[in-house]
Amino acid sequence: MRTVTVIALIAIGAAELAYLAAPTLAKSKVHRRVRETGQIACTVEGCHRIPPNCHPEQGYSFDGIPTGYDIVVCPPQVGK
């Protein structure tokens, strides 16, 4: 009984060594998409990412009081 246990432990150890010694090319790699870091503006419609060439500014009501929301300001597009 004792020899069977020792043989089983040796077999398990050999299997683990074979697994660890396997070439790493056989294992698949997980590729993750990297999200671009950008600015977020909280407008009346909610908070969302803004385009890369734009920037958020403080929004004001018609009488000059700050609304607490951002507005997104983008440079004019040339040629369109």
C-alpha atoms as a PDB file:
ATOM      1  CA  MET A   1       0.000   0.000   0.000  1.00  0.00           C
ATOM      2  CA  ARG A   2       2.790   2.368   0.893  1.00  0.00           C
ATOM      3  CA  THR A   3       4.661   1.722  -2.354  1.00  0.00           C
ATOM      4  CA  VAL A   4       1.509   2.476  -4.358  1.00  0.00           C
ATOM      5  CA  THR A   5       1.181   5.841  -2.613  1.00  0.00           C
ATOM      6  CA  VAL A   6       4.841   6.686  -3.244  1.00  0.00           C
ATOM      7  CA  ILE A   7       4.548   5.720  -6.924  1.00  0.00           C
ATOM      8  CA  ALA A   8       1.384   7.836  -7.282  1.00  0.00           C
ATOM      9  CA  LEU A   9       3.089  10.870  -5.717  1.00  0.00           C
ATOM     10  CA  ILE A  10       6.089  10.458  -8.029  1.00  0.00           C
ATOM     11  CA  ALA A  11       3.772  10.226 -11.058  1.00  0.00           C
ATOM     12  CA  ILE A  12       1.908  13.391 -10.019  1.00  0.00           C
ATOM     13  CA  GLY A  13       5.194  15.235  -9.468  1.00  0.00           C
ATOM     14  CA  ALA A  14       6.472  14.139 -12.883  1.00  0.00           C
ATOM     15  CA  ALA A  15       3.251  15.296 -14.547  1.00  0.00           C
ATOM     16  CA  GLU A  16       3.530  18.728 -12.899  1.00  0.00           C
ATOM     17  CA  LEU A  17       7.153  19.068 -14.008  1.00  0.00           C
ATOM     18  CA  ALA A  18       6.215  18.117 -17.564  1.00  0.00           C
ATOM     19  CA  TYR A  19       3.453  20.734 -17.569  1.00  0.00           C
ATOM     20  CA  LEU A  20       5.716  23.463 -16.218  1.00  0.00           C
ATOM     21  CA  ALA A  21       8.495  22.574 -18.653  1.00  0.00           C
ATOM     22  CA  ALA A  22       6.154  22.756 -21.682  1.00  0.00           C
ATOM     23  CA  PRO A  23       7.078  25.475 -24.164  1.00  0.00           C
ATOM     24  CA  THR A  24       5.310  28.759 -23.587  1.00  0.00           C
ATOM     25  CA  LEU A  25       4.446  29.080 -27.281  1.00  0.00           C
ATOM     26  CA  ALA A  26       1.855  26.350 -26.896  1.00  0.00           C
ATOM     27  CA  LYS A  27      -0.050  28.396 -24.312  1.00  0.00           C
ATOM     28  CA  SER A  28      -2.394  30.981 -25.772  1.00  0.00           C
ATOM     29  CA  LYS A  29      -1.932  34.602 -24.804  1.00  0.00           C
ATOM     30  CA  VAL A  30      -4.810  36.880 -23.983  1.00  0.00           C
ATOM     31  CA  HIS A  31      -4.679  40.186 -25.828  1.00  0.00           C
ATOM     32  CA  ARG A  32      -6.502  43.061 -24.204  1.00  0.00           C
ATOM     33  CA  ARG A  33      -7.553  46.200 -25.967  1.00  0.00           C
ATOM     34  CA  VAL A  34      -6.055  49.296 -24.428  1.00  0.00           C
ATOM     35  CA  ARG A  35      -8.530  52.121 -24.021  1.00  0.00           C
ATOM     36  CA  GLU A  36      -7.348  55.558 -24.857  1.00  0.00           C
ATOM     37  CA  THR A  37      -7.259  57.943 -21.974  1.00  0.00           C
ATOM     38  CA  GLY A  38      -9.426  60.921 -22.652  1.00  0.00           C
ATOM     39  CA  GLN A  39     -11.416  63.592 -20.972  1.00  0.00           C
ATOM     40  CA  ILE A  40     -14.945  63.158 -19.700  1.00  0.00           C
ATOM     41  CA  ALA A  41     -17.507  65.941 -19.771  1.00  0.00           C
ATOM     42  CA  CYS A  42     -20.688  65.911 -17.693  1.00  0.00           C
ATOM     43  CA  THR A  43     -23.264  67.678 -19.821  1.00  0.00           C
ATOM     44  CA  VAL A  44     -27.032  67.945 -19.535  1.00  0.00           C
ATOM     45  CA  GLU A  45     -27.314  64.586 -21.356  1.00  0.00           C
ATOM     46  CA  GLY A  46     -24.978  62.873 -18.850  1.00  0.00           C
ATOM     47  CA  CYS A  47     -21.262  62.153 -18.482  1.00  0.00           C
ATOM     48  CA  HIS A  48     -19.430  60.806 -21.534  1.00  0.00           C
ATOM     49  CA  ARG A  49     -16.066  60.851 -23.274  1.00  0.00           C
ATOM     50  CA  ILE A  50     -15.334  63.756 -25.548  1.00  0.00           C
ATOM     51  CA  PRO A  51     -13.432  63.654 -28.857  1.00  0.00           C
ATOM     52  CA  PRO A  52      -9.623  64.018 -28.715  1.00  0.00           C
ATOM     53  CA  ASN A  53      -9.435  67.546 -30.188  1.00  0.00           C
ATOM     54  CA  CYS A  54     -12.166  68.961 -27.916  1.00  0.00           C
ATOM     55  CA  HIS A  55     -12.110  70.196 -24.333  1.00  0.00           C
ATOM     56  CA  PRO A  56     -14.740  70.790 -21.634  1.00  0.00           C
ATOM     57  CA  GLU A  57     -15.583  74.252 -20.313  1.00  0.00           C
ATOM     58  CA  GLN A  58     -17.938  75.532 -17.631  1.00  0.00           C
ATOM     59  CA  GLY A  59     -21.462  76.036 -18.942  1.00  0.00           C
ATOM     60  CA  TYR A  60     -23.419  79.207 -18.178  1.00  0.00           C
ATOM     61  CA  SER A  61     -27.119  80.028 -18.462  1.00  0.00           C
ATOM     62  CA  PHE A  62     -28.405  82.887 -20.614  1.00  0.00           C
ATOM     63  CA  ASP A  63     -28.034  85.339 -17.714  1.00  0.00           C
ATOM     64  CA  GLY A  64     -24.444  84.348 -16.853  1.00  0.00           C
ATOM     65  CA  ILE A  65     -25.047  82.027 -13.888  1.00  0.00           C
ATOM     66  CA  PRO A  66     -22.990  78.784 -13.940  1.00  0.00           C
ATOM     67  CA  THR A  67     -25.201  75.763 -14.673  1.00  0.00           C
ATOM     68  CA  GLY A  68     -22.976  73.144 -13.075  1.00  0.00           C
ATOM     69  CA  TYR A  69     -22.738  71.292 -16.371  1.00  0.00           C
ATOM     70  CA  ASP A  70     -19.875  71.212 -18.851  1.00  0.00           C
ATOM     71  CA  ILE A  71     -20.025  72.211 -22.484  1.00  0.00           C
ATOM     72  CA  VAL A  72     -17.808  70.580 -25.083  1.00  0.00           C
ATOM     73  CA  VAL A  73     -15.797  73.011 -27.219  1.00  0.00           C
ATOM     74  CA  CYS A  74     -14.204  71.713 -30.414  1.00  0.00           C
ATOM     75  CA  PRO A  75     -12.033  73.661 -32.896  1.00  0.00           C
ATOM     76  CA  PRO A  76     -13.723  74.386 -36.244  1.00  0.00           C
ATOM     77  CA  GLN A  77     -13.115  71.788 -38.920  1.00  0.00           C
ATOM     78  CA  VAL A  78     -11.204  73.172 -41.884  1.00  0.00           C
ATOM     79  CA  GLY A  79     -12.262  72.129 -45.362  1.00  0.00           C
ATOM     80  CA  LYS A  80     -15.763  70.861 -44.609  1.00  0.00           C
END
